[in-house]
Amino acid sequence: MGRLRGIKGHEAVRAVVRAGGVMRQGKGDHVNIKMPSGAIITLP
């Protein structure tokens, strides 16, 4: 796997939501995003 550039958490959340995800509040500082395929992504 290649190197990932350093991005902030809120930037990652914004990118995944733009890709079609629906943001849901997670536990603490985490955010759960449900994708149209049914997959759930958790980002800190």
PDB file of N, CA and C in Angstrom:
ATOM      1  N   MET A   1       0.848  -1.168   0.000  1.00  0.00           N
ATOM      2  CA  MET A   1       0.000   0.000   0.000  1.00  0.00           C
ATOM      3  C   MET A   1       0.894   1.231   0.000  1.00  0.00           C
ATOM      4  N   GLY A   2       0.497   2.240  -0.736  1.00  0.00           N
ATOM      5  CA  GLY A   2       1.265   3.470  -0.826  1.00  0.00           C
ATOM      6  C   GLY A   2       1.097   4.328   0.408  1.00  0.00           C
ATOM      7  N   ARG A   3       1.885   5.361   0.469  1.00  0.00           N
ATOM      8  CA  ARG A   3       1.792   6.285   1.598  1.00  0.00           C
ATOM      9  C   ARG A   3       0.545   7.141   1.477  1.00  0.00           C
ATOM     10  N   LEU A   4      -0.058   7.403   2.593  1.00  0.00           N
ATOM     11  CA  LEU A   4      -1.212   8.292   2.639  1.00  0.00           C
ATOM     12  C   LEU A   4      -0.743   9.655   3.106  1.00  0.00           C
ATOM     13  N   ARG A   5      -1.226  10.689   2.473  1.00  0.00           N
ATOM     14  CA  ARG A   5      -0.831  12.021   2.913  1.00  0.00           C
ATOM     15  C   ARG A   5      -1.548  12.339   4.219  1.00  0.00           C
ATOM     16  N   GLY A   6      -0.966  13.207   4.993  1.00  0.00           N
ATOM     17  CA  GLY A   6      -1.558  13.561   6.272  1.00  0.00           C
ATOM     18  C   GLY A   6      -2.783  14.442   6.085  1.00  0.00           C
ATOM     19  N   ILE A   7      -3.958  13.911   6.408  1.00  0.00           N
ATOM     20  CA  ILE A   7      -5.175  14.719   6.344  1.00  0.00           C
ATOM     21  C   ILE A   7      -5.834  14.691   7.710  1.00  0.00           C
ATOM     22  N   LYS A   8      -6.602  15.705   7.989  1.00  0.00           N
ATOM     23  CA  LYS A   8      -7.281  15.804   9.269  1.00  0.00           C
ATOM     24  C   LYS A   8      -8.560  14.971   9.246  1.00  0.00           C
ATOM     25  N   GLY A   9      -9.042  14.632  10.430  1.00  0.00           N
ATOM     26  CA  GLY A   9     -10.238  13.809  10.542  1.00  0.00           C
ATOM     27  C   GLY A   9     -11.450  14.408   9.870  1.00  0.00           C
ATOM     28  N   HIS A  10     -11.667  15.721  10.057  1.00  0.00           N
ATOM     29  CA  HIS A  10     -12.855  16.340   9.470  1.00  0.00           C
ATOM     30  C   HIS A  10     -12.771  16.385   7.949  1.00  0.00           C
ATOM     31  N   GLU A  11     -11.539  16.427   7.411  1.00  0.00           N
ATOM     32  CA  GLU A  11     -11.375  16.378   5.954  1.00  0.00           C
ATOM     33  C   GLU A  11     -11.741  14.994   5.428  1.00  0.00           C
ATOM     34  N   ALA A  12     -11.359  13.956   6.170  1.00  0.00           N
ATOM     35  CA  ALA A  12     -11.694  12.590   5.769  1.00  0.00           C
ATOM     36  C   ALA A  12     -13.200  12.368   5.826  1.00  0.00           C
ATOM     37  N   VAL A  13     -13.842  12.882   6.875  1.00  0.00           N
ATOM     38  CA  VAL A  13     -15.299  12.750   7.003  1.00  0.00           C
ATOM     39  C   VAL A  13     -15.982  13.439   5.830  1.00  0.00           C
ATOM     40  N   ARG A  14     -15.551  14.631   5.501  1.00  0.00           N
ATOM     41  CA  ARG A  14     -16.157  15.377   4.393  1.00  0.00           C
ATOM     42  C   ARG A  14     -16.020  14.614   3.073  1.00  0.00           C
ATOM     43  N   ALA A  15     -14.853  14.023   2.844  1.00  0.00           N
ATOM     44  CA  ALA A  15     -14.621  13.282   1.600  1.00  0.00           C
ATOM     45  C   ALA A  15     -15.517  12.051   1.505  1.00  0.00           C
ATOM     46  N   VAL A  16     -15.685  11.336   2.620  1.00  0.00           N
ATOM     47  CA  VAL A  16     -16.516  10.130   2.601  1.00  0.00           C
ATOM     48  C   VAL A  16     -17.991  10.497   2.438  1.00  0.00           C
ATOM     49  N   VAL A  17     -18.426  11.594   3.045  1.00  0.00           N
ATOM     50  CA  VAL A  17     -19.814  12.041   2.887  1.00  0.00           C
ATOM     51  C   VAL A  17     -20.064  12.471   1.440  1.00  0.00           C
ATOM     52  N   ARG A  18     -19.088  13.124   0.831  1.00  0.00           N
ATOM     53  CA  ARG A  18     -19.226  13.496  -0.586  1.00  0.00           C
ATOM     54  C   ARG A  18     -19.357  12.268  -1.471  1.00  0.00           C
ATOM     55  N   ALA A  19     -18.763  11.163  -1.053  1.00  0.00           N
ATOM     56  CA  ALA A  19     -18.814   9.922  -1.828  1.00  0.00           C
ATOM     57  C   ALA A  19     -20.141   9.197  -1.644  1.00  0.00           C
ATOM     58  N   GLY A  20     -21.059   9.778  -0.862  1.00  0.00           N
ATOM     59  CA  GLY A  20     -22.391   9.189  -0.726  1.00  0.00           C
ATOM     60  C   GLY A  20     -22.732   8.676   0.653  1.00  0.00           C
ATOM     61  N   GLY A  21     -21.852   8.849   1.613  1.00  0.00           N
ATOM     62  CA  GLY A  21     -22.114   8.356   2.957  1.00  0.00           C
ATOM     63  C   GLY A  21     -23.053   9.258   3.742  1.00  0.00           C
ATOM     64  N   VAL A  22     -23.711   8.665   4.743  1.00  0.00           N
ATOM     65  CA  VAL A  22     -24.605   9.407   5.634  1.00  0.00           C
ATOM     66  C   VAL A  22     -23.962   9.405   7.015  1.00  0.00           C
ATOM     67  N   MET A  23     -23.662  10.607   7.530  1.00  0.00           N
ATOM     68  CA  MET A  23     -22.949  10.730   8.792  1.00  0.00           C
ATOM     69  C   MET A  23     -23.875  10.463   9.968  1.00  0.00           C
ATOM     70  N   ARG A  24     -23.368   9.666  10.915  1.00  0.00           N
ATOM     71  CA  ARG A  24     -24.056   9.396  12.175  1.00  0.00           C
ATOM     72  C   ARG A  24     -23.060   9.623  13.300  1.00  0.00           C
ATOM     73  N   GLN A  25     -23.544  10.059  14.425  1.00  0.00           N
ATOM     74  CA  GLN A  25     -22.658  10.314  15.560  1.00  0.00           C
ATOM     75  C   GLN A  25     -22.199   8.997  16.164  1.00  0.00           C
ATOM     76  N   GLY A  26     -20.928   8.899  16.427  1.00  0.00           N
ATOM     77  CA  GLY A  26     -20.368   7.718  17.069  1.00  0.00           C
ATOM     78  C   GLY A  26     -20.162   7.984  18.548  1.00  0.00           C
ATOM     79  N   LYS A  27     -19.359   7.155  19.164  1.00  0.00           N
ATOM     80  CA  LYS A  27     -19.084   7.277  20.585  1.00  0.00           C
ATOM     81  C   LYS A  27     -17.883   8.195  20.791  1.00  0.00           C
ATOM     82  N   GLY A  28     -18.011   9.166  21.643  1.00  0.00           N
ATOM     83  CA  GLY A  28     -16.911  10.090  21.894  1.00  0.00           C
ATOM     84  C   GLY A  28     -16.641  10.966  20.687  1.00  0.00           C
ATOM     85  N   ASP A  29     -15.387  11.012  20.261  1.00  0.00           N
ATOM     86  CA  ASP A  29     -14.996  11.837  19.118  1.00  0.00           C
ATOM     87  C   ASP A  29     -15.112  11.090  17.791  1.00  0.00           C
ATOM     88  N   HIS A  30     -15.567   9.846  17.818  1.00  0.00           N
ATOM     89  CA  HIS A  30     -15.662   9.060  16.595  1.00  0.00           C
ATOM     90  C   HIS A  30     -16.945   9.386  15.831  1.00  0.00           C
ATOM     91  N   VAL A  31     -16.887   9.206  14.518  1.00  0.00           N
ATOM     92  CA  VAL A  31     -18.039   9.441  13.649  1.00  0.00           C
ATOM     93  C   VAL A  31     -18.269   8.175  12.840  1.00  0.00           C
ATOM     94  N   ASN A  32     -19.504   7.695  12.799  1.00  0.00           N
ATOM     95  CA  ASN A  32     -19.863   6.549  11.979  1.00  0.00           C
ATOM     96  C   ASN A  32     -20.513   7.059  10.705  1.00  0.00           C
ATOM     97  N   ILE A  33     -20.085   6.516   9.575  1.00  0.00           N
ATOM     98  CA  ILE A  33     -20.645   6.916   8.292  1.00  0.00           C
ATOM     99  C   ILE A  33     -21.157   5.664   7.602  1.00  0.00           C
ATOM    100  N   LYS A  34     -22.447   5.674   7.250  1.00  0.00           N
ATOM    101  CA  LYS A  34     -23.042   4.534   6.557  1.00  0.00           C
ATOM    102  C   LYS A  34     -23.023   4.808   5.066  1.00  0.00           C
ATOM    103  N   MET A  35     -22.408   3.907   4.329  1.00  0.00           N
ATOM    104  CA  MET A  35     -22.297   4.033   2.882  1.00  0.00           C
ATOM    105  C   MET A  35     -23.521   3.406   2.212  1.00  0.00           C
ATOM    106  N   PRO A  36     -23.825   3.799   0.974  1.00  0.00           N
ATOM    107  CA  PRO A  36     -24.977   3.234   0.265  1.00  0.00           C
ATOM    108  C   PRO A  36     -24.910   1.712   0.120  1.00  0.00           C
ATOM    109  N   SER A  37     -23.712   1.153   0.109  1.00  0.00           N
ATOM    110  CA  SER A  37     -23.561  -0.300  -0.021  1.00  0.00           C
ATOM    111  C   SER A  37     -23.899  -1.030   1.276  1.00  0.00           C
ATOM    112  N   GLY A  38     -24.087  -0.276   2.369  1.00  0.00           N
ATOM    113  CA  GLY A  38     -24.391  -0.875   3.664  1.00  0.00           C
ATOM    114  C   GLY A  38     -23.191  -0.920   4.594  1.00  0.00           C
ATOM    115  N   ALA A  39     -22.010  -0.645   4.073  1.00  0.00           N
ATOM    116  CA  ALA A  39     -20.800  -0.652   4.893  1.00  0.00           C
ATOM    117  C   ALA A  39     -20.818   0.533   5.855  1.00  0.00           C
ATOM    118  N   ILE A  40     -20.307   0.307   7.061  1.00  0.00           N
ATOM    119  CA  ILE A  40     -20.211   1.374   8.052  1.00  0.00           C
ATOM    120  C   ILE A  40     -18.734   1.669   8.280  1.00  0.00           C
ATOM    121  N   ILE A  41     -18.365   2.934   8.124  1.00  0.00           N
ATOM    122  CA  ILE A  41     -16.985   3.375   8.296  1.00  0.00           C
ATOM    123  C   ILE A  41     -16.917   4.198   9.575  1.00  0.00           C
ATOM    124  N   THR A  42     -15.961   3.899  10.440  1.00  0.00           N
ATOM    125  CA  THR A  42     -15.766   4.658  11.667  1.00  0.00           C
ATOM    126  C   THR A  42     -14.469   5.445  11.555  1.00  0.00           C
ATOM    127  N   LEU A  43     -14.577   6.756  11.742  1.00  0.00           N
ATOM    128  CA  LEU A  43     -13.405   7.630  11.682  1.00  0.00           C
ATOM    129  C   LEU A  43     -13.250   8.359  13.009  1.00  0.00           C
ATOM    130  N   PRO A  44     -12.007   8.439  13.503  1.00  0.00           N
ATOM    131  CA  PRO A  44     -11.778   9.181  14.745  1.00  0.00           C
ATOM    132  C   PRO A  44     -11.772  10.678  14.517  1.00  0.00           C
TER     133      PRO A  44
END
